[in-house]
Amino acid sequence: MSSTLEELTAQALDLPPEQRAVLAETLLESIEPAPPLSPEWEAEIAQRIAEVDRGEVTCRPWSEVMQELRAPYR
């Protein structure tokens, strides 16, 4: 690994988890872009975002959802 890559990796690992996730997604997108969404999916996403913005639904952390899903199997 080159020293530049090692430095970038060290800097990336110092980022908070949320920022590392954004960086990882950005890097993956640069290698293999996601296919475009259909107009129906775009509309669904917009509707769900609007529901959250209006306070009609609440979001839960993914870790909480996964813990709940795994609970019956423990």
PDB file of N, CA and C in Angstrom:
ATOM      1  N   MET A   1       0.861  -1.171   0.000  1.00  0.00           N
ATOM      2  CA  MET A   1       0.000   0.000   0.000  1.00  0.00           C
ATOM      3  C   MET A   1       0.905   1.230   0.000  1.00  0.00           C
ATOM      4  N   SER A   2       0.564   2.211  -0.833  1.00  0.00           N
ATOM      5  CA  SER A   2       1.380   3.424  -0.889  1.00  0.00           C
ATOM      6  C   SER A   2       1.181   4.255   0.376  1.00  0.00           C
ATOM      7  N   SER A   3       2.156   5.122   0.640  1.00  0.00           N
ATOM      8  CA  SER A   3       2.057   5.946   1.845  1.00  0.00           C
ATOM      9  C   SER A   3       0.858   6.876   1.769  1.00  0.00           C
ATOM     10  N   THR A   4       0.524   7.356   0.572  1.00  0.00           N
ATOM     11  CA  THR A   4      -0.653   8.224   0.421  1.00  0.00           C
ATOM     12  C   THR A   4      -1.915   7.458   0.788  1.00  0.00           C
ATOM     13  N   LEU A   5      -2.027   6.228   0.301  1.00  0.00           N
ATOM     14  CA  LEU A   5      -3.203   5.416   0.613  1.00  0.00           C
ATOM     15  C   LEU A   5      -3.259   5.097   2.101  1.00  0.00           C
ATOM     16  N   GLU A   6      -2.116   4.809   2.689  1.00  0.00           N
ATOM     17  CA  GLU A   6      -2.078   4.536   4.132  1.00  0.00           C
ATOM     18  C   GLU A   6      -2.514   5.760   4.929  1.00  0.00           C
ATOM     19  N   GLU A   7      -2.072   6.942   4.516  1.00  0.00           N
ATOM     20  CA  GLU A   7      -2.457   8.176   5.206  1.00  0.00           C
ATOM     21  C   GLU A   7      -3.954   8.423   5.066  1.00  0.00           C
ATOM     22  N   LEU A   8      -4.472   8.246   3.859  1.00  0.00           N
ATOM     23  CA  LEU A   8      -5.913   8.445   3.644  1.00  0.00           C
ATOM     24  C   LEU A   8      -6.728   7.450   4.458  1.00  0.00           C
ATOM     25  N   THR A   9      -6.280   6.216   4.499  1.00  0.00           N
ATOM     26  CA  THR A   9      -6.980   5.190   5.272  1.00  0.00           C
ATOM     27  C   THR A   9      -6.994   5.551   6.751  1.00  0.00           C
ATOM     28  N   ALA A  10      -5.855   5.980   7.270  1.00  0.00           N
ATOM     29  CA  ALA A  10      -5.781   6.371   8.685  1.00  0.00           C
ATOM     30  C   ALA A  10      -6.701   7.552   8.971  1.00  0.00           C
ATOM     31  N   GLN A  11      -6.713   8.529   8.071  1.00  0.00           N
ATOM     32  CA  GLN A  11      -7.590   9.685   8.252  1.00  0.00           C
ATOM     33  C   GLN A  11      -9.056   9.261   8.199  1.00  0.00           C
ATOM     34  N   ALA A  12      -9.382   8.379   7.265  1.00  0.00           N
ATOM     35  CA  ALA A  12     -10.771   7.920   7.139  1.00  0.00           C
ATOM     36  C   ALA A  12     -11.214   7.176   8.391  1.00  0.00           C
ATOM     37  N   LEU A  13     -10.330   6.359   8.944  1.00  0.00           N
ATOM     38  CA  LEU A  13     -10.687   5.592  10.141  1.00  0.00           C
ATOM     39  C   LEU A  13     -10.831   6.471  11.378  1.00  0.00           C
ATOM     40  N   ASP A  14     -10.313   7.679  11.332  1.00  0.00           N
ATOM     41  CA  ASP A  14     -10.481   8.626  12.436  1.00  0.00           C
ATOM     42  C   ASP A  14     -11.826   9.342  12.391  1.00  0.00           C
ATOM     43  N   LEU A  15     -12.527   9.227  11.280  1.00  0.00           N
ATOM     44  CA  LEU A  15     -13.823   9.891  11.146  1.00  0.00           C
ATOM     45  C   LEU A  15     -14.868   9.194  12.012  1.00  0.00           C
ATOM     46  N   PRO A  16     -15.913   9.938  12.412  1.00  0.00           N
ATOM     47  CA  PRO A  16     -17.028   9.297  13.125  1.00  0.00           C
ATOM     48  C   PRO A  16     -17.709   8.276  12.199  1.00  0.00           C
ATOM     49  N   PRO A  17     -18.373   7.270  12.765  1.00  0.00           N
ATOM     50  CA  PRO A  17     -18.995   6.217  11.954  1.00  0.00           C
ATOM     51  C   PRO A  17     -19.913   6.731  10.838  1.00  0.00           C
ATOM     52  N   GLU A  18     -20.716   7.759  11.127  1.00  0.00           N
ATOM     53  CA  GLU A  18     -21.647   8.270  10.115  1.00  0.00           C
ATOM     54  C   GLU A  18     -20.884   8.827   8.919  1.00  0.00           C
ATOM     55  N   GLN A  19     -19.797   9.534   9.175  1.00  0.00           N
ATOM     56  CA  GLN A  19     -19.016  10.102   8.084  1.00  0.00           C
ATOM     57  C   GLN A  19     -18.264   9.017   7.320  1.00  0.00           C
ATOM     58  N   ARG A  20     -17.814   7.980   8.030  1.00  0.00           N
ATOM     59  CA  ARG A  20     -17.162   6.861   7.344  1.00  0.00           C
ATOM     60  C   ARG A  20     -18.145   6.165   6.408  1.00  0.00           C
ATOM     61  N   ALA A  21     -19.388   6.041   6.849  1.00  0.00           N
ATOM     62  CA  ALA A  21     -20.412   5.407   6.011  1.00  0.00           C
ATOM     63  C   ALA A  21     -20.650   6.223   4.742  1.00  0.00           C
ATOM     64  N   VAL A  22     -20.723   7.540   4.878  1.00  0.00           N
ATOM     65  CA  VAL A  22     -20.911   8.401   3.711  1.00  0.00           C
ATOM     66  C   VAL A  22     -19.720   8.281   2.767  1.00  0.00           C
ATOM     67  N   LEU A  23     -18.520   8.278   3.329  1.00  0.00           N
ATOM     68  CA  LEU A  23     -17.310   8.136   2.522  1.00  0.00           C
ATOM     69  C   LEU A  23     -17.300   6.794   1.789  1.00  0.00           C
ATOM     70  N   ALA A  24     -17.632   5.733   2.494  1.00  0.00           N
ATOM     71  CA  ALA A  24     -17.656   4.405   1.877  1.00  0.00           C
ATOM     72  C   ALA A  24     -18.656   4.357   0.728  1.00  0.00           C
ATOM     73  N   GLU A  25     -19.825   4.915   0.958  1.00  0.00           N
ATOM     74  CA  GLU A  25     -20.851   4.938  -0.095  1.00  0.00           C
ATOM     75  C   GLU A  25     -20.368   5.739  -1.298  1.00  0.00           C
ATOM     76  N   THR A  26     -19.736   6.871  -1.045  1.00  0.00           N
ATOM     77  CA  THR A  26     -19.218   7.705  -2.124  1.00  0.00           C
ATOM     78  C   THR A  26     -18.161   6.962  -2.930  1.00  0.00           C
ATOM     79  N   LEU A  27     -17.252   6.281  -2.240  1.00  0.00           N
ATOM     80  CA  LEU A  27     -16.203   5.536  -2.931  1.00  0.00           C
ATOM     81  C   LEU A  27     -16.785   4.387  -3.756  1.00  0.00           C
ATOM     82  N   LEU A  28     -17.726   3.639  -3.180  1.00  0.00           N
ATOM     83  CA  LEU A  28     -18.348   2.547  -3.924  1.00  0.00           C
ATOM     84  C   LEU A  28     -19.109   3.062  -5.139  1.00  0.00           C
ATOM     85  N   GLU A  29     -19.803   4.172  -4.970  1.00  0.00           N
ATOM     86  CA  GLU A  29     -20.553   4.782  -6.071  1.00  0.00           C
ATOM     87  C   GLU A  29     -19.617   5.158  -7.205  1.00  0.00           C
ATOM     88  N   SER A  30     -18.376   5.572  -6.871  1.00  0.00           N
ATOM     89  CA  SER A  30     -17.426   5.984  -7.908  1.00  0.00           C
ATOM     90  C   SER A  30     -16.911   4.785  -8.704  1.00  0.00           C
ATOM     91  N   ILE A  31     -17.007   3.597  -8.141  1.00  0.00           N
ATOM     92  CA  ILE A  31     -16.553   2.382  -8.818  1.00  0.00           C
ATOM     93  C   ILE A  31     -17.689   1.770  -9.634  1.00  0.00           C
ATOM     94  N   GLU A  32     -18.835   1.652  -9.006  1.00  0.00           N
ATOM     95  CA  GLU A  32     -19.982   1.026  -9.655  1.00  0.00           C
ATOM     96  C   GLU A  32     -21.236   1.823  -9.307  1.00  0.00           C
ATOM     97  N   PRO A  33     -21.579   2.775 -10.164  1.00  0.00           N
ATOM     98  CA  PRO A  33     -22.754   3.603  -9.869  1.00  0.00           C
ATOM     99  C   PRO A  33     -24.029   2.767  -9.748  1.00  0.00           C
ATOM    100  N   ALA A  34     -24.890   3.182  -8.859  1.00  0.00           N
ATOM    101  CA  ALA A  34     -26.169   2.502  -8.687  1.00  0.00           C
ATOM    102  C   ALA A  34     -27.042   2.768  -9.914  1.00  0.00           C
ATOM    103  N   PRO A  35     -27.845   1.787 -10.300  1.00  0.00           N
ATOM    104  CA  PRO A  35     -28.740   2.021 -11.434  1.00  0.00           C
ATOM    105  C   PRO A  35     -29.768   3.089 -11.071  1.00  0.00           C
ATOM    106  N   PRO A  36     -30.265   3.808 -12.059  1.00  0.00           N
ATOM    107  CA  PRO A  36     -31.265   4.841 -11.753  1.00  0.00           C
ATOM    108  C   PRO A  36     -32.541   4.212 -11.202  1.00  0.00           C
ATOM    109  N   LEU A  37     -33.216   4.961 -10.354  1.00  0.00           N
ATOM    110  CA  LEU A  37     -34.476   4.492  -9.775  1.00  0.00           C
ATOM    111  C   LEU A  37     -35.621   4.758 -10.742  1.00  0.00           C
ATOM    112  N   SER A  38     -36.622   3.913 -10.669  1.00  0.00           N
ATOM    113  CA  SER A  38     -37.812   4.124 -11.496  1.00  0.00           C
ATOM    114  C   SER A  38     -38.585   5.322 -10.946  1.00  0.00           C
ATOM    115  N   PRO A  39     -39.405   5.945 -11.770  1.00  0.00           N
ATOM    116  CA  PRO A  39     -40.221   7.067 -11.276  1.00  0.00           C
ATOM    117  C   PRO A  39     -41.111   6.676 -10.090  1.00  0.00           C
ATOM    118  N   GLU A  40     -41.562   5.428 -10.069  1.00  0.00           N
ATOM    119  CA  GLU A  40     -42.405   4.967  -8.958  1.00  0.00           C
ATOM    120  C   GLU A  40     -41.632   4.953  -7.647  1.00  0.00           C
ATOM    121  N   TRP A  41     -40.376   4.473  -7.697  1.00  0.00           N
ATOM    122  CA  TRP A  41     -39.563   4.468  -6.489  1.00  0.00           C
ATOM    123  C   TRP A  41     -39.213   5.884  -6.058  1.00  0.00           C
ATOM    124  N   GLU A  42     -38.920   6.753  -7.014  1.00  0.00           N
ATOM    125  CA  GLU A  42     -38.641   8.161  -6.682  1.00  0.00           C
ATOM    126  C   GLU A  42     -39.822   8.777  -5.951  1.00  0.00           C
ATOM    127  N   ALA A  43     -41.042   8.496  -6.435  1.00  0.00           N
ATOM    128  CA  ALA A  43     -42.252   9.029  -5.804  1.00  0.00           C
ATOM    129  C   ALA A  43     -42.434   8.453  -4.398  1.00  0.00           C
ATOM    130  N   GLU A  44     -42.180   7.160  -4.240  1.00  0.00           N
ATOM    131  CA  GLU A  44     -42.309   6.518  -2.929  1.00  0.00           C
ATOM    132  C   GLU A  44     -41.331   7.123  -1.926  1.00  0.00           C
ATOM    133  N   ILE A  45     -40.108   7.319  -2.358  1.00  0.00           N
ATOM    134  CA  ILE A  45     -39.092   7.913  -1.480  1.00  0.00           C
ATOM    135  C   ILE A  45     -39.506   9.323  -1.076  1.00  0.00           C
ATOM    136  N   ALA A  46     -39.948  10.115  -2.044  1.00  0.00           N
ATOM    137  CA  ALA A  46     -40.381  11.488  -1.746  1.00  0.00           C
ATOM    138  C   ALA A  46     -41.534  11.490  -0.751  1.00  0.00           C
ATOM    139  N   GLN A  47     -42.480  10.548  -0.918  1.00  0.00           N
ATOM    140  CA  GLN A  47     -43.631  10.465  -0.009  1.00  0.00           C
ATOM    141  C   GLN A  47     -43.175  10.116   1.406  1.00  0.00           C
ATOM    142  N   ARG A  48     -42.261   9.166   1.520  1.00  0.00           N
ATOM    143  CA  ARG A  48     -41.785   8.759   2.849  1.00  0.00           C
ATOM    144  C   ARG A  48     -41.007   9.876   3.532  1.00  0.00           C
ATOM    145  N   ILE A  49     -40.191  10.593   2.788  1.00  0.00           N
ATOM    146  CA  ILE A  49     -39.454  11.724   3.351  1.00  0.00           C
ATOM    147  C   ILE A  49     -40.429  12.785   3.843  1.00  0.00           C
ATOM    148  N   ALA A  50     -41.471  13.061   3.047  1.00  0.00           N
ATOM    149  CA  ALA A  50     -42.475  14.055   3.439  1.00  0.00           C
ATOM    150  C   ALA A  50     -43.191  13.624   4.723  1.00  0.00           C
ATOM    151  N   GLU A  51     -43.506  12.337   4.858  1.00  0.00           N
ATOM    152  CA  GLU A  51     -44.160  11.839   6.071  1.00  0.00           C
ATOM    153  C   GLU A  51     -43.277  12.050   7.296  1.00  0.00           C
ATOM    154  N   VAL A  52     -41.996  11.803   7.157  1.00  0.00           N
ATOM    155  CA  VAL A  52     -41.069  12.031   8.270  1.00  0.00           C
ATOM    156  C   VAL A  52     -41.005  13.521   8.584  1.00  0.00           C
ATOM    157  N   ASP A  53     -40.881  14.350   7.550  1.00  0.00           N
ATOM    158  CA  ASP A  53     -40.799  15.803   7.748  1.00  0.00           C
ATOM    159  C   ASP A  53     -42.040  16.363   8.432  1.00  0.00           C
ATOM    160  N   ARG A  54     -43.197  15.793   8.134  1.00  0.00           N
ATOM    161  CA  ARG A  54     -44.444  16.261   8.757  1.00  0.00           C
ATOM    162  C   ARG A  54     -44.657  15.672  10.145  1.00  0.00           C
ATOM    163  N   GLY A  55     -43.796  14.762  10.562  1.00  0.00           N
ATOM    164  CA  GLY A  55     -43.919  14.157  11.884  1.00  0.00           C
ATOM    165  C   GLY A  55     -44.954  13.055  11.945  1.00  0.00           C
ATOM    166  N   GLU A  56     -45.383  12.536  10.804  1.00  0.00           N
ATOM    167  CA  GLU A  56     -46.392  11.474  10.771  1.00  0.00           C
ATOM    168  C   GLU A  56     -45.799  10.118  11.126  1.00  0.00           C
ATOM    169  N   VAL A  57     -44.522   9.950  10.911  1.00  0.00           N
ATOM    170  CA  VAL A  57     -43.832   8.709  11.266  1.00  0.00           C
ATOM    171  C   VAL A  57     -42.536   9.070  11.972  1.00  0.00           C
ATOM    172  N   THR A  58     -42.040   8.144  12.755  1.00  0.00           N
ATOM    173  CA  THR A  58     -40.761   8.361  13.409  1.00  0.00           C
ATOM    174  C   THR A  58     -39.779   7.300  12.934  1.00  0.00           C
ATOM    175  N   CYS A  59     -38.540   7.664  12.893  1.00  0.00           N
ATOM    176  CA  CYS A  59     -37.492   6.744  12.467  1.00  0.00           C
ATOM    177  C   CYS A  59     -36.847   6.122  13.692  1.00  0.00           C
ATOM    178  N   ARG A  60     -36.349   4.906  13.500  1.00  0.00           N
ATOM    179  CA  ARG A  60     -35.649   4.198  14.576  1.00  0.00           C
ATOM    180  C   ARG A  60     -34.254   3.859  14.099  1.00  0.00           C
ATOM    181  N   PRO A  61     -33.298   3.845  15.013  1.00  0.00           N
ATOM    182  CA  PRO A  61     -31.948   3.455  14.623  1.00  0.00           C
ATOM    183  C   PRO A  61     -31.926   2.018  14.096  1.00  0.00           C
ATOM    184  N   TRP A  62     -31.108   1.794  13.061  1.00  0.00           N
ATOM    185  CA  TRP A  62     -31.004   0.465  12.471  1.00  0.00           C
ATOM    186  C   TRP A  62     -30.577  -0.568  13.507  1.00  0.00           C
ATOM    187  N   SER A  63     -29.681  -0.205  14.408  1.00  0.00           N
ATOM    188  CA  SER A  63     -29.208  -1.146  15.417  1.00  0.00           C
ATOM    189  C   SER A  63     -30.365  -1.615  16.303  1.00  0.00           C
ATOM    190  N   GLU A  64     -31.302  -0.720  16.595  1.00  0.00           N
ATOM    191  CA  GLU A  64     -32.460  -1.076  17.413  1.00  0.00           C
ATOM    192  C   GLU A  64     -33.365  -2.048  16.658  1.00  0.00           C
ATOM    193  N   VAL A  65     -33.583  -1.784  15.390  1.00  0.00           N
ATOM    194  CA  VAL A  65     -34.433  -2.652  14.570  1.00  0.00           C
ATOM    195  C   VAL A  65     -33.808  -4.046  14.464  1.00  0.00           C
ATOM    196  N   MET A  66     -32.499  -4.103  14.200  1.00  0.00           N
ATOM    197  CA  MET A  66     -31.821  -5.392  14.080  1.00  0.00           C
ATOM    198  C   MET A  66     -31.867  -6.164  15.395  1.00  0.00           C
ATOM    199  N   GLN A  67     -31.712  -5.482  16.504  1.00  0.00           N
ATOM    200  CA  GLN A  67     -31.763  -6.136  17.811  1.00  0.00           C
ATOM    201  C   GLN A  67     -33.145  -6.756  18.008  1.00  0.00           C
ATOM    202  N   GLU A  68     -34.178  -6.029  17.625  1.00  0.00           N
ATOM    203  CA  GLU A  68     -35.544  -6.539  17.758  1.00  0.00           C
ATOM    204  C   GLU A  68     -35.780  -7.750  16.854  1.00  0.00           C
ATOM    205  N   LEU A  69     -35.240  -7.700  15.640  1.00  0.00           N
ATOM    206  CA  LEU A  69     -35.414  -8.814  14.709  1.00  0.00           C
ATOM    207  C   LEU A  69     -34.666 -10.063  15.152  1.00  0.00           C
ATOM    208  N   ARG A  70     -33.517  -9.881  15.786  1.00  0.00           N
ATOM    209  CA  ARG A  70     -32.710 -11.025  16.222  1.00  0.00           C
ATOM    210  C   ARG A  70     -33.181 -11.626  17.535  1.00  0.00           C
ATOM    211  N   ALA A  71     -33.920 -10.875  18.314  1.00  0.00           N
ATOM    212  CA  ALA A  71     -34.337 -11.320  19.655  1.00  0.00           C
ATOM    213  C   ALA A  71     -35.006 -12.694  19.661  1.00  0.00           C
ATOM    214  N   PRO A  72     -35.923 -12.999  18.752  1.00  0.00           N
ATOM    215  CA  PRO A  72     -36.580 -14.320  18.816  1.00  0.00           C
ATOM    216  C   PRO A  72     -35.645 -15.498  18.580  1.00  0.00           C
ATOM    217  N   TYR A  73     -34.485 -15.264  17.993  1.00  0.00           N
ATOM    218  CA  TYR A  73     -33.566 -16.336  17.645  1.00  0.00           C
ATOM    219  C   TYR A  73     -32.470 -16.557  18.685  1.00  0.00           C
ATOM    220  N   ARG A  74     -32.534 -15.837  19.769  1.00  0.00           N
ATOM    221  CA  ARG A  74     -31.508 -15.987  20.814  1.00  0.00           C
ATOM    222  C   ARG A  74     -31.909 -17.001  21.835  1.00  0.00           C
TER     223      ARG A  74
END
